[in-house]
Amino acid sequence: MRMITILQAAGGAAAAPQAGGGGMMWIMILAMIAIMWLFMIRPQRKQQKELEQFRSGLQKGDKVVTVGGIYGTVDEIKDTTVLIRVDGDTKLKVSKNAIQKDFSANA
């Protein structure tokens, strides 16, 4: 009987959680946040900044593609809109935010 109580006491002490394990958890969480920032957020911000610079530097005659896949040539630029010539005399007025990329080098 005495042996059972000794084993139960030893088992109870071994099953008790150890203090101080929370520091490693915080290090892992911070490491995951840092990795996520390096591989996801930072490149997205860089791409967004480049796109904003492209849109602000648009000039008449630039060949562009809209978000919807419409190819055209910039005909007129205003504060928030761009008039693009699509085909012949056909012109479309689109938001500057709809201009996706320059395809002048590809044409």
Protein backbone atom coordinates (compact mmCIF):
# COMPACT_ATOMS: atom_id res chain seq x y z
CA MET A 1 0.00 0.00 0.00
CA ARG A 2 2.81 2.28 0.82
CA MET A 3 4.40 1.57 -2.58
CA ILE A 4 1.23 2.72 -4.38
CA THR A 5 1.16 6.06 -2.57
CA ILE A 6 4.85 6.63 -3.37
CA LEU A 7 4.24 5.88 -7.07
CA GLN A 8 1.19 8.14 -7.15
CA ALA A 9 3.15 10.97 -5.53
CA ALA A 10 6.00 10.52 -8.01
CA GLY A 11 3.58 10.39 -10.94
CA GLY A 12 1.79 13.49 -9.77
CA ALA A 13 5.03 15.45 -9.50
CA ALA A 14 6.15 14.38 -12.98
CA ALA A 15 2.82 15.38 -14.55
CA ALA A 16 2.96 18.92 -13.10
CA PRO A 17 3.68 21.54 -15.80
CA GLN A 18 7.08 23.16 -15.71
CA ALA A 19 7.27 26.91 -15.36
CA GLY A 20 9.26 29.03 -17.81
CA GLY A 21 8.16 27.40 -21.09
CA GLY A 22 6.21 30.49 -22.20
CA GLY A 23 9.31 32.41 -23.26
CA MET A 24 10.06 30.00 -26.07
CA MET A 25 6.48 30.28 -27.31
CA TRP A 26 6.80 34.09 -27.60
CA ILE A 27 10.08 33.75 -29.48
CA MET A 28 8.42 31.41 -31.98
CA ILE A 29 5.44 33.74 -32.44
CA LEU A 30 7.74 36.72 -33.03
CA ALA A 31 9.81 34.68 -35.49
CA MET A 32 6.66 33.72 -37.44
CA ILE A 33 5.58 37.37 -37.59
CA ALA A 34 9.04 38.42 -38.82
CA ILE A 35 9.05 35.74 -41.52
CA MET A 36 5.55 36.69 -42.63
CA TRP A 37 6.59 40.35 -42.86
CA LEU A 38 9.71 39.50 -44.89
CA PHE A 39 8.01 37.21 -47.39
CA MET A 40 4.50 38.68 -47.71
CA ILE A 41 3.99 42.24 -46.50
CA ARG A 42 7.30 43.84 -47.53
CA PRO A 43 7.23 42.70 -51.19
CA GLN A 44 3.57 43.69 -51.50
CA ARG A 45 4.31 47.21 -50.23
CA LYS A 46 7.25 47.50 -52.63
CA GLN A 47 5.09 46.42 -55.58
CA GLN A 48 2.33 48.83 -54.56
CA LYS A 49 4.81 51.72 -54.34
CA GLU A 50 6.21 50.92 -57.82
CA LEU A 51 2.70 50.79 -59.28
CA GLU A 52 1.84 54.17 -57.71
CA GLN A 53 5.03 55.70 -59.18
CA PHE A 54 4.14 54.24 -62.59
CA ARG A 55 0.64 55.70 -62.46
CA SER A 56 1.87 59.14 -61.39
CA GLY A 57 4.47 59.15 -64.18
CA LEU A 58 2.05 58.38 -67.01
CA GLN A 59 2.53 60.47 -70.13
CA LYS A 60 0.59 60.99 -73.33
CA GLY A 61 1.45 58.25 -75.83
CA ASP A 62 2.28 55.56 -73.25
CA LYS A 63 0.88 52.15 -74.14
CA VAL A 64 -0.91 50.66 -71.14
CA VAL A 65 -3.08 47.75 -70.02
CA THR A 66 -6.03 48.20 -67.68
CA VAL A 67 -7.01 45.87 -64.86
CA GLY A 68 -9.77 44.53 -67.12
CA GLY A 69 -7.26 43.60 -69.84
CA ILE A 70 -7.98 46.49 -72.22
CA TYR A 71 -4.94 47.59 -74.22
CA GLY A 72 -4.69 51.22 -75.24
CA THR A 73 -2.59 54.33 -75.66
CA VAL A 74 -2.80 57.22 -73.20
CA ASP A 75 -4.43 60.19 -74.90
CA GLU A 76 -5.19 62.54 -71.99
CA ILE A 77 -4.35 62.55 -68.27
CA LYS A 78 -6.33 64.27 -65.52
CA ASP A 79 -6.10 64.11 -61.73
CA THR A 80 -7.95 60.84 -61.21
CA THR A 81 -8.83 59.71 -64.74
CA VAL A 82 -7.04 58.77 -67.94
CA LEU A 83 -8.44 58.86 -71.45
CA ILE A 84 -7.05 55.96 -73.47
CA ARG A 85 -7.36 55.41 -77.21
CA VAL A 86 -8.35 51.80 -77.78
CA ASP A 87 -8.89 51.40 -81.53
CA GLY A 88 -8.94 54.13 -84.14
CA ASP A 89 -11.11 56.91 -82.74
CA THR A 90 -12.51 54.82 -79.90
CA LYS A 91 -11.55 56.30 -76.54
CA LEU A 92 -12.27 55.11 -73.01
CA LYS A 93 -12.18 57.16 -69.86
CA VAL A 94 -10.83 55.04 -66.99
CA SER A 95 -9.68 55.64 -63.45
CA LYS A 96 -5.93 55.96 -62.92
CA ASN A 97 -6.25 53.09 -60.48
CA ALA A 98 -7.44 50.87 -63.35
CA ILE A 99 -4.13 51.25 -65.21
CA GLN A 100 -2.16 48.11 -64.44
CA LYS A 101 1.07 48.15 -66.47
CA ASP A 102 3.03 49.58 -69.34
CA PHE A 103 3.40 47.45 -72.44
CA SER A 104 5.36 49.91 -74.60
CA ALA A 105 8.40 47.61 -74.70
CA ASN A 106 6.24 44.61 -75.68
CA ALA A 107 4.54 46.28 -78.64
